Amino acid sequence: MPRPKSQAAKNTAKLSLYIPPSKGGMEVLTKLRKLARAKDRSVNYLVVEAILQYLKREERKQAKRS
């Protein structure tokens, strides 16, 4: 019988990420793993933080244009 999902699991957004070879491909992932180990964080944590910072920066740019 399947285990019921926790509230946190129900509210978790998932994203699959493809890094094309032209943008660094596996080298980017290798660098992320190395940085994650050095910071004692997960690759997921680093990627989420980068996305949030990017969104914040872009939203500020848009607000200035409006």
PDB file of N, CA and C in Angstrom:
ATOM      1  N   MET A   1       0.842  -1.172   0.000  1.00  0.00           N
ATOM      2  CA  MET A   1       0.000   0.000   0.000  1.00  0.00           C
ATOM      3  C   MET A   1       0.894   1.244   0.000  1.00  0.00           C
ATOM      4  N   PRO A   2       0.656   2.206  -0.913  1.00  0.00           N
ATOM      5  CA  PRO A   2       1.500   3.398  -0.967  1.00  0.00           C
ATOM      6  C   PRO A   2       1.379   4.239   0.296  1.00  0.00           C
ATOM      7  N   ARG A   3       2.494   4.816   0.668  1.00  0.00           N
ATOM      8  CA  ARG A   3       2.539   5.680   1.840  1.00  0.00           C
ATOM      9  C   ARG A   3       1.943   7.039   1.497  1.00  0.00           C
ATOM     10  N   PRO A   4       1.103   7.599   2.371  1.00  0.00           N
ATOM     11  CA  PRO A   4       0.545   8.922   2.089  1.00  0.00           C
ATOM     12  C   PRO A   4       1.652   9.982   2.075  1.00  0.00           C
ATOM     13  N   LYS A   5       1.530  10.937   1.167  1.00  0.00           N
ATOM     14  CA  LYS A   5       2.524  12.000   1.070  1.00  0.00           C
ATOM     15  C   LYS A   5       2.338  13.007   2.189  1.00  0.00           C
ATOM     16  N   SER A   6       3.463  13.518   2.682  1.00  0.00           N
ATOM     17  CA  SER A   6       3.402  14.558   3.701  1.00  0.00           C
ATOM     18  C   SER A   6       2.943  15.860   3.044  1.00  0.00           C
ATOM     19  N   GLN A   7       2.549  16.822   3.858  1.00  0.00           N
ATOM     20  CA  GLN A   7       2.121  18.121   3.334  1.00  0.00           C
ATOM     21  C   GLN A   7       3.265  18.778   2.561  1.00  0.00           C
ATOM     22  N   ALA A   8       4.485  18.666   3.066  1.00  0.00           N
ATOM     23  CA  ALA A   8       5.639  19.256   2.382  1.00  0.00           C
ATOM     24  C   ALA A   8       5.836  18.618   1.014  1.00  0.00           C
ATOM     25  N   ALA A   9       5.682  17.309   0.934  1.00  0.00           N
ATOM     26  CA  ALA A   9       5.854  16.610  -0.342  1.00  0.00           C
ATOM     27  C   ALA A   9       4.780  17.027  -1.339  1.00  0.00           C
ATOM     28  N   LYS A  10       3.571  17.265  -0.852  1.00  0.00           N
ATOM     29  CA  LYS A  10       2.475  17.682  -1.732  1.00  0.00           C
ATOM     30  C   LYS A  10       2.734  19.067  -2.320  1.00  0.00           C
ATOM     31  N   ASN A  11       3.426  19.912  -1.575  1.00  0.00           N
ATOM     32  CA  ASN A  11       3.667  21.293  -1.992  1.00  0.00           C
ATOM     33  C   ASN A  11       5.041  21.502  -2.627  1.00  0.00           C
ATOM     34  N   THR A  12       5.738  20.442  -2.934  1.00  0.00           N
ATOM     35  CA  THR A  12       7.066  20.553  -3.509  1.00  0.00           C
ATOM     36  C   THR A  12       6.986  20.668  -5.020  1.00  0.00           C
ATOM     37  N   ALA A  13       7.590  21.718  -5.553  1.00  0.00           N
ATOM     38  CA  ALA A  13       7.662  21.892  -7.005  1.00  0.00           C
ATOM     39  C   ALA A  13       8.914  21.184  -7.500  1.00  0.00           C
ATOM     40  N   LYS A  14       8.782  20.509  -8.619  1.00  0.00           N
ATOM     41  CA  LYS A  14       9.918  19.771  -9.164  1.00  0.00           C
ATOM     42  C   LYS A  14      10.293  20.343 -10.516  1.00  0.00           C
ATOM     43  N   LEU A  15      11.582  20.315 -10.802  1.00  0.00           N
ATOM     44  CA  LEU A  15      12.095  20.849 -12.040  1.00  0.00           C
ATOM     45  C   LEU A  15      13.234  19.964 -12.512  1.00  0.00           C
ATOM     46  N   SER A  16      13.178  19.571 -13.752  1.00  0.00           N
ATOM     47  CA  SER A  16      14.270  18.822 -14.356  1.00  0.00           C
ATOM     48  C   SER A  16      15.096  19.815 -15.165  1.00  0.00           C
ATOM     49  N   LEU A  17      16.392  19.714 -15.091  1.00  0.00           N
ATOM     50  CA  LEU A  17      17.249  20.700 -15.721  1.00  0.00           C
ATOM     51  C   LEU A  17      18.168  20.049 -16.747  1.00  0.00           C
ATOM     52  N   TYR A  18      18.182  20.600 -17.942  1.00  0.00           N
ATOM     53  CA  TYR A  18      19.077  20.147 -19.008  1.00  0.00           C
ATOM     54  C   TYR A  18      20.078  21.266 -19.264  1.00  0.00           C
ATOM     55  N   ILE A  19      21.358  20.955 -19.151  1.00  0.00           N
ATOM     56  CA  ILE A  19      22.393  21.934 -19.441  1.00  0.00           C
ATOM     57  C   ILE A  19      23.029  21.540 -20.767  1.00  0.00           C
ATOM     58  N   PRO A  20      22.765  22.308 -21.821  1.00  0.00           N
ATOM     59  CA  PRO A  20      23.284  21.937 -23.133  1.00  0.00           C
ATOM     60  C   PRO A  20      24.808  21.998 -23.177  1.00  0.00           C
ATOM     61  N   PRO A  21      25.402  21.162 -24.014  1.00  0.00           N
ATOM     62  CA  PRO A  21      26.867  21.178 -24.147  1.00  0.00           C
ATOM     63  C   PRO A  21      27.414  22.566 -24.471  1.00  0.00           C
ATOM     64  N   SER A  22      26.670  23.359 -25.215  1.00  0.00           N
ATOM     65  CA  SER A  22      27.134  24.702 -25.577  1.00  0.00           C
ATOM     66  C   SER A  22      27.232  25.636 -24.365  1.00  0.00           C
ATOM     67  N   LYS A  23      26.558  25.277 -23.276  1.00  0.00           N
ATOM     68  CA  LYS A  23      26.600  26.067 -22.041  1.00  0.00           C
ATOM     69  C   LYS A  23      27.481  25.431 -20.978  1.00  0.00           C
ATOM     70  N   GLY A  24      28.164  24.346 -21.322  1.00  0.00           N
ATOM     71  CA  GLY A  24      29.086  23.729 -20.379  1.00  0.00           C
ATOM     72  C   GLY A  24      28.731  22.313 -19.991  1.00  0.00           C
ATOM     73  N   GLY A  25      27.488  21.908 -20.197  1.00  0.00           N
ATOM     74  CA  GLY A  25      27.066  20.535 -19.948  1.00  0.00           C
ATOM     75  C   GLY A  25      27.554  19.951 -18.640  1.00  0.00           C
ATOM     76  N   MET A  26      28.246  18.849 -18.736  1.00  0.00           N
ATOM     77  CA  MET A  26      28.705  18.118 -17.548  1.00  0.00           C
ATOM     78  C   MET A  26      29.708  18.919 -16.722  1.00  0.00           C
ATOM     79  N   GLU A  27      30.445  19.817 -17.355  1.00  0.00           N
ATOM     80  CA  GLU A  27      31.411  20.637 -16.615  1.00  0.00           C
ATOM     81  C   GLU A  27      30.693  21.516 -15.585  1.00  0.00           C
ATOM     82  N   VAL A  28      29.528  22.028 -15.946  1.00  0.00           N
ATOM     83  CA  VAL A  28      28.740  22.846 -15.021  1.00  0.00           C
ATOM     84  C   VAL A  28      28.310  22.000 -13.828  1.00  0.00           C
ATOM     85  N   LEU A  29      27.838  20.804 -14.093  1.00  0.00           N
ATOM     86  CA  LEU A  29      27.411  19.920 -13.011  1.00  0.00           C
ATOM     87  C   LEU A  29      28.583  19.549 -12.111  1.00  0.00           C
ATOM     88  N   THR A  30      29.729  19.290 -12.698  1.00  0.00           N
ATOM     89  CA  THR A  30      30.931  18.970 -11.915  1.00  0.00           C
ATOM     90  C   THR A  30      31.298  20.128 -10.999  1.00  0.00           C
ATOM     91  N   LYS A  31      31.244  21.347 -11.529  1.00  0.00           N
ATOM     92  CA  LYS A  31      31.555  22.532 -10.725  1.00  0.00           C
ATOM     93  C   LYS A  31      30.530  22.714  -9.602  1.00  0.00           C
ATOM     94  N   LEU A  32      29.264  22.488  -9.917  1.00  0.00           N
ATOM     95  CA  LEU A  32      28.225  22.593  -8.888  1.00  0.00           C
ATOM     96  C   LEU A  32      28.444  21.584  -7.770  1.00  0.00           C
ATOM     97  N   ARG A  33      28.772  20.361  -8.137  1.00  0.00           N
ATOM     98  CA  ARG A  33      29.019  19.325  -7.117  1.00  0.00           C
ATOM     99  C   ARG A  33      30.202  19.698  -6.236  1.00  0.00           C
ATOM    100  N   LYS A  34      31.260  20.219  -6.850  1.00  0.00           N
ATOM    101  CA  LYS A  34      32.453  20.613  -6.092  1.00  0.00           C
ATOM    102  C   LYS A  34      32.114  21.752  -5.130  1.00  0.00           C
ATOM    103  N   LEU A  35      31.386  22.748  -5.614  1.00  0.00           N
ATOM    104  CA  LEU A  35      30.993  23.874  -4.773  1.00  0.00           C
ATOM    105  C   LEU A  35      30.054  23.424  -3.653  1.00  0.00           C
ATOM    106  N   ALA A  36      29.131  22.540  -3.972  1.00  0.00           N
ATOM    107  CA  ALA A  36      28.201  22.023  -2.965  1.00  0.00           C
ATOM    108  C   ALA A  36      28.951  21.317  -1.834  1.00  0.00           C
ATOM    109  N   ARG A  37      29.935  20.509  -2.200  1.00  0.00           N
ATOM    110  CA  ARG A  37      30.744  19.836  -1.166  1.00  0.00           C
ATOM    111  C   ARG A  37      31.489  20.861  -0.315  1.00  0.00           C
ATOM    112  N   ALA A  38      32.086  21.850  -0.964  1.00  0.00           N
ATOM    113  CA  ALA A  38      32.868  22.856  -0.236  1.00  0.00           C
ATOM    114  C   ALA A  38      32.000  23.669   0.715  1.00  0.00           C
ATOM    115  N   LYS A  39      30.756  23.923   0.336  1.00  0.00           N
ATOM    116  CA  LYS A  39      29.844  24.723   1.156  1.00  0.00           C
ATOM    117  C   LYS A  39      28.975  23.866   2.070  1.00  0.00           C
ATOM    118  N   ASP A  40      29.138  22.542   1.969  1.00  0.00           N
ATOM    119  CA  ASP A  40      28.324  21.606   2.739  1.00  0.00           C
ATOM    120  C   ASP A  40      26.838  21.844   2.477  1.00  0.00           C
ATOM    121  N   ARG A  41      26.509  21.993   1.202  1.00  0.00           N
ATOM    122  CA  ARG A  41      25.144  22.179   0.735  1.00  0.00           C
ATOM    123  C   ARG A  41      24.877  21.193  -0.384  1.00  0.00           C
ATOM    124  N   SER A  42      23.627  21.038  -0.748  1.00  0.00           N
ATOM    125  CA  SER A  42      23.290  20.170  -1.874  1.00  0.00           C
ATOM    126  C   SER A  42      23.347  20.974  -3.171  1.00  0.00           C
ATOM    127  N   VAL A  43      23.504  20.270  -4.276  1.00  0.00           N
ATOM    128  CA  VAL A  43      23.443  20.917  -5.584  1.00  0.00           C
ATOM    129  C   VAL A  43      22.076  21.574  -5.741  1.00  0.00           C
ATOM    130  N   ASN A  44      21.040  20.906  -5.299  1.00  0.00           N
ATOM    131  CA  ASN A  44      19.690  21.459  -5.383  1.00  0.00           C
ATOM    132  C   ASN A  44      19.615  22.805  -4.663  1.00  0.00           C
ATOM    133  N   TYR A  45      20.182  22.894  -3.478  1.00  0.00           N
ATOM    134  CA  TYR A  45      20.175  24.143  -2.725  1.00  0.00           C
ATOM    135  C   TYR A  45      20.827  25.258  -3.534  1.00  0.00           C
ATOM    136  N   LEU A  46      22.000  24.986  -4.109  1.00  0.00           N
ATOM    137  CA  LEU A  46      22.716  25.998  -4.886  1.00  0.00           C
ATOM    138  C   LEU A  46      21.907  26.450  -6.103  1.00  0.00           C
ATOM    139  N   VAL A  47      21.292  25.503  -6.788  1.00  0.00           N
ATOM    140  CA  VAL A  47      20.520  25.833  -7.985  1.00  0.00           C
ATOM    141  C   VAL A  47      19.287  26.654  -7.612  1.00  0.00           C
ATOM    142  N   VAL A  48      18.591  26.270  -6.563  1.00  0.00           N
ATOM    143  CA  VAL A  48      17.412  27.018  -6.134  1.00  0.00           C
ATOM    144  C   VAL A  48      17.811  28.441  -5.736  1.00  0.00           C
ATOM    145  N   GLU A  49      18.905  28.586  -4.982  1.00  0.00           N
ATOM    146  CA  GLU A  49      19.367  29.910  -4.588  1.00  0.00           C
ATOM    147  C   GLU A  49      19.705  30.755  -5.815  1.00  0.00           C
ATOM    148  N   ALA A  50      20.351  30.167  -6.809  1.00  0.00           N
ATOM    149  CA  ALA A  50      20.702  30.895  -8.032  1.00  0.00           C
ATOM    150  C   ALA A  50      19.446  31.342  -8.776  1.00  0.00           C
ATOM    151  N   ILE A  51      18.462  30.478  -8.853  1.00  0.00           N
ATOM    152  CA  ILE A  51      17.203  30.826  -9.529  1.00  0.00           C
ATOM    153  C   ILE A  51      16.504  31.966  -8.796  1.00  0.00           C
ATOM    154  N   LEU A  52      16.420  31.874  -7.484  1.00  0.00           N
ATOM    155  CA  LEU A  52      15.760  32.918  -6.698  1.00  0.00           C
ATOM    156  C   LEU A  52      16.471  34.265  -6.840  1.00  0.00           C
ATOM    157  N   GLN A  53      17.805  34.249  -6.819  1.00  0.00           N
ATOM    158  CA  GLN A  53      18.563  35.494  -6.990  1.00  0.00           C
ATOM    159  C   GLN A  53      18.341  36.073  -8.384  1.00  0.00           C
ATOM    160  N   TYR A  54      18.328  35.219  -9.398  1.00  0.00           N
ATOM    161  CA  TYR A  54      18.087  35.667 -10.770  1.00  0.00           C
ATOM    162  C   TYR A  54      16.708  36.312 -10.883  1.00  0.00           C
ATOM    163  N   LEU A  55      15.692  35.658 -10.353  1.00  0.00           N
ATOM    164  CA  LEU A  55      14.336  36.201 -10.415  1.00  0.00           C
ATOM    165  C   LEU A  55      14.243  37.560  -9.720  1.00  0.00           C
ATOM    166  N   LYS A  56      14.839  37.663  -8.561  1.00  0.00           N
ATOM    167  CA  LYS A  56      14.812  38.911  -7.807  1.00  0.00           C
ATOM    168  C   LYS A  56      15.478  40.035  -8.615  1.00  0.00           C
ATOM    169  N   ARG A  57      16.627  39.732  -9.191  1.00  0.00           N
ATOM    170  CA  ARG A  57      17.360  40.715  -9.994  1.00  0.00           C
ATOM    171  C   ARG A  57      16.552  41.148 -11.219  1.00  0.00           C
ATOM    172  N   GLU A  58      15.966  40.183 -11.926  1.00  0.00           N
ATOM    173  CA  GLU A  58      15.193  40.496 -13.127  1.00  0.00           C
ATOM    174  C   GLU A  58      13.909  41.245 -12.804  1.00  0.00           C
ATOM    175  N   GLU A  59      13.271  40.907 -11.684  1.00  0.00           N
ATOM    176  CA  GLU A  59      12.062  41.613 -11.272  1.00  0.00           C
ATOM    177  C   GLU A  59      12.374  43.073 -10.940  1.00  0.00           C
ATOM    178  N   ARG A  60      13.538  43.317 -10.324  1.00  0.00           N
ATOM    179  CA  ARG A  60      13.949  44.693 -10.030  1.00  0.00           C
ATOM    180  C   ARG A  60      14.174  45.471 -11.323  1.00  0.00           C
ATOM    181  N   LYS A  61      14.793  44.831 -12.305  1.00  0.00           N
ATOM    182  CA  LYS A  61      15.022  45.480 -13.601  1.00  0.00           C
ATOM    183  C   LYS A  61      13.705  45.847 -14.254  1.00  0.00           C
ATOM    184  N   GLN A  62      12.756  44.927 -14.224  1.00  0.00           N
ATOM    185  CA  GLN A  62      11.447  45.184 -14.826  1.00  0.00           C
ATOM    186  C   GLN A  62      10.720  46.314 -14.104  1.00  0.00           C
ATOM    187  N   ALA A  63      10.825  46.348 -12.807  1.00  0.00           N
ATOM    188  CA  ALA A  63      10.151  47.376 -12.024  1.00  0.00           C
ATOM    189  C   ALA A  63      10.708  48.766 -12.378  1.00  0.00           C
ATOM    190  N   LYS A  64      12.010  48.848 -12.637  1.00  0.00           N
ATOM    191  CA  LYS A  64      12.625  50.123 -13.003  1.00  0.00           C
ATOM    192  C   LYS A  64      12.141  50.589 -14.370  1.00  0.00           C
ATOM    193  N   ARG A  65      11.853  49.661 -15.260  1.00  0.00           N
ATOM    194  CA  ARG A  65      11.388  49.998 -16.603  1.00  0.00           C
ATOM    195  C   ARG A  65       9.942  50.475 -16.616  1.00  0.00           C
ATOM    196  N   SER A  66       9.183  50.038 -15.622  1.00  0.00           N
ATOM    197  CA  SER A  66       7.742  50.357 -15.576  1.00  0.00           C
ATOM    198  C   SER A  66       7.486  51.752 -15.059  1.00  0.00           C
TER     199      SER A  66
END
